[in-house]
Amino acid sequence: MWLYPGKAAWHFVNLSAKQSSQIRKLFGAEAAAWGSLPVTVRIGETEWKTSIFPDSKSTSYLFAIKAEVRKKEHIRAGDTITAIVQIR
């Protein structure tokens, strides 16, 4: 997980290049604004609905992790996490 360098302090996670390639092939035609796809994410015991977006600086998709989830799961920028991401 990494912290976006700006005032808002958004925390993001990038999916792997391999996962992103598979998602692009299977669901790319369904993408909405800015290439986003609706997903359900689970980290630990916490699950929520959000979207993944293509990262313009890499070949991967990324998603934001809101403060509520970070607090519940005791994670912070720099941590390596495991997330289950399901396209909706």
Protein backbone atom coordinates (compact mmCIF):
# COMPACT_ATOMS: atom_id res chain seq x y z
CA MET A 1 0.00 0.00 0.00
CA TRP A 2 1.30 3.42 -0.88
CA LEU A 3 0.39 7.00 -0.04
CA TYR A 4 -0.41 9.44 -2.84
CA PRO A 5 1.85 12.49 -2.45
CA GLY A 6 -0.78 15.19 -1.98
CA LYS A 7 -2.98 16.91 0.60
CA ALA A 8 -5.77 14.34 0.51
CA ALA A 9 -3.55 11.49 1.81
CA TRP A 10 -5.17 8.83 -0.39
CA HIS A 11 -3.81 5.32 0.14
CA PHE A 12 -3.66 2.99 -2.88
CA VAL A 13 -2.84 -0.60 -3.75
CA ASN A 14 -1.78 -1.73 -7.22
CA LEU A 15 -2.80 -5.11 -8.57
CA SER A 16 -0.07 -7.15 -10.23
CA ALA A 17 0.67 -6.68 -13.93
CA LYS A 18 -0.51 -10.25 -14.58
CA GLN A 19 -3.81 -9.76 -12.74
CA SER A 20 -4.34 -6.41 -14.47
CA SER A 21 -3.72 -7.93 -17.89
CA GLN A 22 -6.28 -10.66 -17.23
CA ILE A 23 -8.85 -8.13 -15.99
CA ARG A 24 -8.26 -5.93 -19.05
CA LYS A 25 -8.80 -8.91 -21.40
CA LEU A 26 -11.92 -10.18 -19.63
CA PHE A 27 -13.62 -6.93 -18.56
CA GLY A 28 -11.98 -4.07 -20.48
CA ALA A 29 -14.97 -3.62 -22.77
CA GLU A 30 -17.17 -3.07 -19.70
CA ALA A 31 -15.05 -0.25 -18.27
CA ALA A 32 -16.81 2.98 -17.31
CA ALA A 33 -15.42 6.50 -16.92
CA TRP A 34 -11.61 6.69 -16.74
CA GLY A 35 -11.46 2.94 -17.39
CA SER A 36 -12.94 2.09 -13.99
CA LEU A 37 -14.52 -1.23 -13.10
CA PRO A 38 -16.78 -1.84 -10.07
CA VAL A 39 -15.35 -4.32 -7.57
CA THR A 40 -15.84 -5.77 -4.12
CA VAL A 41 -12.64 -5.87 -2.08
CA ARG A 42 -11.89 -7.87 1.07
CA ILE A 43 -8.90 -7.25 3.29
CA GLY A 44 -8.88 -9.39 6.41
CA GLU A 45 -12.40 -9.26 7.86
CA THR A 46 -13.35 -6.03 6.08
CA GLU A 47 -15.24 -6.01 2.79
CA TRP A 48 -16.47 -3.02 0.78
CA LYS A 49 -17.58 -1.95 -2.68
CA THR A 50 -15.34 0.36 -4.70
CA SER A 51 -13.78 0.61 -8.15
CA ILE A 52 -10.43 -0.21 -9.69
CA PHE A 53 -8.81 2.21 -12.13
CA PRO A 54 -5.99 1.77 -14.63
CA ASP A 55 -2.83 3.43 -13.28
CA SER A 56 -1.46 5.81 -15.91
CA LYS A 57 2.10 5.31 -14.60
CA SER A 58 2.12 1.52 -14.80
CA THR A 59 0.33 -1.31 -16.57
CA SER A 60 -1.71 -2.21 -13.52
CA TYR A 61 -5.07 -1.39 -11.98
CA LEU A 62 -5.25 0.22 -8.56
CA PHE A 63 -7.82 0.93 -5.87
CA ALA A 64 -8.01 3.23 -2.86
CA ILE A 65 -8.23 1.99 0.71
CA LYS A 66 -10.31 4.27 2.87
CA ALA A 67 -9.30 5.27 6.40
CA GLU A 68 -12.02 3.15 8.02
CA VAL A 69 -10.57 -0.03 6.45
CA ARG A 70 -6.98 0.92 7.28
CA LYS A 71 -7.92 1.45 10.93
CA LYS A 72 -9.96 -1.77 11.22
CA GLU A 73 -7.22 -3.87 9.61
CA HIS A 74 -4.27 -2.04 11.22
CA ILE A 75 -2.50 -1.30 7.94
CA ARG A 76 -0.55 1.73 6.78
CA ALA A 77 1.48 3.00 3.83
CA GLY A 78 4.40 0.70 3.07
CA ASP A 79 2.63 -2.45 4.26
CA THR A 80 2.30 -5.45 1.97
CA ILE A 81 -1.27 -6.71 2.08
CA THR A 82 -3.41 -9.49 0.67
CA ALA A 83 -6.69 -8.40 -0.87
CA ILE A 84 -9.44 -10.37 -2.57
CA VAL A 85 -10.78 -8.33 -5.48
CA GLN A 86 -13.97 -9.45 -7.23
CA ILE A 87 -15.27 -7.69 -10.34
CA ARG A 88 -18.99 -6.89 -9.95
